Amino acid sequence: MPAVNGPALGGVTYSEARKIIHGLVKKGRVVGMDIVEITPKKDLNGITAITACRFFVNLIGMAVRAGYFKK
């Protein structure tokens, strides 16, 4: 993501991160998630914030599909 203090080449792509989230939910109960190091001044057009939100939405969607919220 572009709005970080220490960008690194060869990091995890969006698709890879999404697959990791989905795999973790399938493997066991995920109880939380944290996104760190977003620098708003460097976030052109909110790309980093939008991407971070999409990761949370993916986690919530997978948790619903996995039956986390059934009584």
N, C-alpha and C. Protein backbone atom coordinates (compact mmCIF):
# COMPACT_ATOMS: atom_id res chain seq x y z
N MET A 1 0.84 -1.17 0.00
CA MET A 1 0.00 0.00 0.00
C MET A 1 0.89 1.24 0.00
N PRO A 2 0.49 2.26 -0.69
CA PRO A 2 1.38 3.43 -0.84
C PRO A 2 1.55 4.29 0.40
N ALA A 3 0.60 4.31 1.32
CA ALA A 3 0.67 5.24 2.44
C ALA A 3 1.32 4.63 3.68
N VAL A 4 2.53 4.12 3.51
CA VAL A 4 3.29 3.58 4.64
C VAL A 4 4.62 4.31 4.75
N ASN A 5 5.22 4.27 5.95
CA ASN A 5 6.50 4.95 6.15
C ASN A 5 7.68 4.19 5.55
N GLY A 6 7.59 2.86 5.51
CA GLY A 6 8.69 2.06 4.99
C GLY A 6 8.24 1.09 3.92
N PRO A 7 7.93 1.56 2.70
CA PRO A 7 7.49 0.63 1.66
C PRO A 7 8.59 -0.37 1.29
N ALA A 8 8.20 -1.59 1.00
CA ALA A 8 9.16 -2.63 0.66
C ALA A 8 8.75 -3.31 -0.64
N LEU A 9 9.73 -3.51 -1.50
CA LEU A 9 9.47 -4.22 -2.76
C LEU A 9 9.23 -5.70 -2.47
N GLY A 10 8.37 -6.30 -3.25
CA GLY A 10 8.14 -7.74 -3.12
C GLY A 10 7.26 -8.12 -1.95
N GLY A 11 6.45 -7.18 -1.46
CA GLY A 11 5.54 -7.47 -0.36
C GLY A 11 4.36 -8.31 -0.81
N VAL A 12 3.47 -8.54 0.09
CA VAL A 12 2.27 -9.33 -0.19
C VAL A 12 1.32 -8.52 -1.06
N THR A 13 0.79 -9.12 -2.10
CA THR A 13 -0.17 -8.43 -2.97
C THR A 13 -1.56 -8.46 -2.33
N TYR A 14 -2.48 -7.66 -2.87
CA TYR A 14 -3.85 -7.64 -2.36
C TYR A 14 -4.47 -9.04 -2.44
N SER A 15 -4.31 -9.69 -3.57
CA SER A 15 -4.89 -11.04 -3.76
C SER A 15 -4.31 -12.04 -2.77
N GLU A 16 -3.02 -11.95 -2.53
CA GLU A 16 -2.38 -12.87 -1.57
C GLU A 16 -2.88 -12.62 -0.15
N ALA A 17 -3.01 -11.35 0.23
CA ALA A 17 -3.51 -11.01 1.57
C ALA A 17 -4.94 -11.50 1.75
N ARG A 18 -5.74 -11.34 0.71
CA ARG A 18 -7.13 -11.80 0.75
C ARG A 18 -7.19 -13.32 0.92
N LYS A 19 -6.34 -14.04 0.21
CA LYS A 19 -6.30 -15.50 0.34
C LYS A 19 -5.86 -15.91 1.73
N ILE A 20 -4.92 -15.17 2.32
CA ILE A 20 -4.47 -15.46 3.68
C ILE A 20 -5.62 -15.28 4.67
N ILE A 21 -6.36 -14.19 4.54
CA ILE A 21 -7.51 -13.94 5.42
C ILE A 21 -8.53 -15.06 5.28
N HIS A 22 -8.86 -15.43 4.06
CA HIS A 22 -9.83 -16.50 3.82
C HIS A 22 -9.33 -17.82 4.39
N GLY A 23 -8.05 -18.12 4.20
CA GLY A 23 -7.49 -19.36 4.73
C GLY A 23 -7.52 -19.41 6.25
N LEU A 24 -7.23 -18.29 6.90
CA LEU A 24 -7.26 -18.25 8.36
C LEU A 24 -8.66 -18.49 8.89
N VAL A 25 -9.65 -17.88 8.25
CA VAL A 25 -11.04 -18.06 8.69
C VAL A 25 -11.47 -19.52 8.50
N LYS A 26 -11.05 -20.14 7.41
CA LYS A 26 -11.40 -21.54 7.17
C LYS A 26 -10.71 -22.47 8.16
N LYS A 27 -9.52 -22.09 8.61
CA LYS A 27 -8.74 -22.94 9.51
C LYS A 27 -9.25 -22.90 10.95
N GLY A 28 -9.67 -21.75 11.40
CA GLY A 28 -10.11 -21.62 12.78
C GLY A 28 -10.81 -20.30 13.00
N ARG A 29 -11.29 -20.08 14.19
CA ARG A 29 -12.04 -18.87 14.52
C ARG A 29 -11.09 -17.68 14.69
N VAL A 30 -11.24 -16.70 13.82
CA VAL A 30 -10.46 -15.46 13.90
C VAL A 30 -11.22 -14.51 14.82
N VAL A 31 -10.54 -13.99 15.85
CA VAL A 31 -11.24 -13.13 16.82
C VAL A 31 -10.89 -11.66 16.67
N GLY A 32 -9.95 -11.33 15.80
CA GLY A 32 -9.61 -9.93 15.60
C GLY A 32 -8.64 -9.73 14.45
N MET A 33 -8.53 -8.50 14.03
CA MET A 33 -7.60 -8.14 12.95
C MET A 33 -7.19 -6.69 13.14
N ASP A 34 -5.96 -6.38 12.82
CA ASP A 34 -5.44 -5.04 13.02
C ASP A 34 -4.65 -4.62 11.79
N ILE A 35 -4.86 -3.42 11.33
CA ILE A 35 -4.08 -2.83 10.24
C ILE A 35 -3.28 -1.69 10.85
N VAL A 36 -1.98 -1.70 10.67
CA VAL A 36 -1.13 -0.66 11.27
C VAL A 36 -0.33 0.08 10.20
N GLU A 37 0.19 1.22 10.57
CA GLU A 37 1.09 2.05 9.78
C GLU A 37 0.47 2.60 8.50
N ILE A 38 -0.63 3.28 8.63
CA ILE A 38 -1.18 4.04 7.51
C ILE A 38 -0.89 5.51 7.79
N THR A 39 -0.23 6.16 6.86
CA THR A 39 0.12 7.57 7.00
C THR A 39 -0.82 8.39 6.11
N PRO A 40 -1.82 9.04 6.70
CA PRO A 40 -2.82 9.76 5.90
C PRO A 40 -2.24 10.79 4.93
N LYS A 41 -1.17 11.46 5.29
CA LYS A 41 -0.58 12.47 4.40
C LYS A 41 -0.05 11.85 3.10
N LYS A 42 0.32 10.58 3.16
CA LYS A 42 0.86 9.89 1.98
C LYS A 42 -0.21 9.12 1.22
N ASP A 43 -1.44 9.10 1.71
CA ASP A 43 -2.50 8.28 1.13
C ASP A 43 -3.19 9.03 -0.01
N LEU A 44 -2.66 8.89 -1.21
CA LEU A 44 -3.22 9.54 -2.38
C LEU A 44 -4.59 8.96 -2.72
N ASN A 45 -5.59 9.81 -2.78
CA ASN A 45 -6.95 9.41 -3.13
C ASN A 45 -7.55 8.37 -2.19
N GLY A 46 -6.96 8.20 -1.02
CA GLY A 46 -7.50 7.25 -0.04
C GLY A 46 -7.31 5.80 -0.41
N ILE A 47 -6.39 5.50 -1.32
CA ILE A 47 -6.20 4.13 -1.81
C ILE A 47 -5.88 3.16 -0.67
N THR A 48 -4.99 3.57 0.23
CA THR A 48 -4.58 2.69 1.32
C THR A 48 -5.74 2.47 2.29
N ALA A 49 -6.45 3.54 2.64
CA ALA A 49 -7.59 3.41 3.56
C ALA A 49 -8.68 2.52 2.95
N ILE A 50 -8.96 2.69 1.68
CA ILE A 50 -9.97 1.87 1.00
C ILE A 50 -9.55 0.40 0.99
N THR A 51 -8.29 0.14 0.69
CA THR A 51 -7.80 -1.23 0.66
C THR A 51 -7.87 -1.87 2.04
N ALA A 52 -7.49 -1.12 3.08
CA ALA A 52 -7.58 -1.64 4.44
C ALA A 52 -9.02 -1.99 4.79
N CYS A 53 -9.96 -1.13 4.42
CA CYS A 53 -11.38 -1.40 4.68
C CYS A 53 -11.85 -2.65 3.93
N ARG A 54 -11.35 -2.82 2.72
CA ARG A 54 -11.73 -4.01 1.94
C ARG A 54 -11.25 -5.29 2.63
N PHE A 55 -10.08 -5.24 3.29
CA PHE A 55 -9.60 -6.41 4.04
C PHE A 55 -10.55 -6.73 5.19
N PHE A 56 -11.01 -5.70 5.91
CA PHE A 56 -11.95 -5.92 7.00
C PHE A 56 -13.27 -6.49 6.49
N VAL A 57 -13.75 -5.96 5.37
CA VAL A 57 -15.00 -6.46 4.79
C VAL A 57 -14.84 -7.92 4.37
N ASN A 58 -13.69 -8.27 3.81
CA ASN A 58 -13.43 -9.66 3.44
C ASN A 58 -13.44 -10.55 4.67
N LEU A 59 -12.83 -10.10 5.77
CA LEU A 59 -12.82 -10.88 7.00
C LEU A 59 -14.25 -11.08 7.52
N ILE A 60 -15.03 -10.02 7.56
CA ILE A 60 -16.41 -10.11 8.04
C ILE A 60 -17.23 -11.04 7.15
N GLY A 61 -17.09 -10.89 5.84
CA GLY A 61 -17.82 -11.75 4.91
C GLY A 61 -17.48 -13.22 5.07
N MET A 62 -16.21 -13.50 5.22
CA MET A 62 -15.80 -14.90 5.41
C MET A 62 -16.28 -15.43 6.76
N ALA A 63 -16.28 -14.59 7.79
CA ALA A 63 -16.77 -15.01 9.10
C ALA A 63 -18.26 -15.34 9.04
N VAL A 64 -19.02 -14.55 8.30
CA VAL A 64 -20.45 -14.84 8.13
C VAL A 64 -20.64 -16.17 7.41
N ARG A 65 -19.89 -16.36 6.32
CA ARG A 65 -20.00 -17.62 5.57
C ARG A 65 -19.59 -18.82 6.41
N ALA A 66 -18.62 -18.61 7.32
CA ALA A 66 -18.14 -19.72 8.16
C ALA A 66 -19.07 -20.01 9.33
N GLY A 67 -20.12 -19.18 9.48
CA GLY A 67 -21.09 -19.44 10.53
C GLY A 67 -20.71 -18.89 11.90
N TYR A 68 -19.83 -17.91 11.95
CA TYR A 68 -19.40 -17.33 13.23
C TYR A 68 -20.57 -16.73 14.01
N PHE A 69 -21.59 -16.24 13.34
CA PHE A 69 -22.64 -15.47 13.99
C PHE A 69 -23.94 -16.23 14.15
N LYS A 70 -23.91 -17.54 13.97
CA LYS A 70 -25.11 -18.35 14.17
C LYS A 70 -25.29 -18.57 15.67
N LYS A 71 -26.54 -18.64 16.07
CA LYS A 71 -26.84 -18.89 17.50
C LYS A 71 -26.86 -20.35 17.80
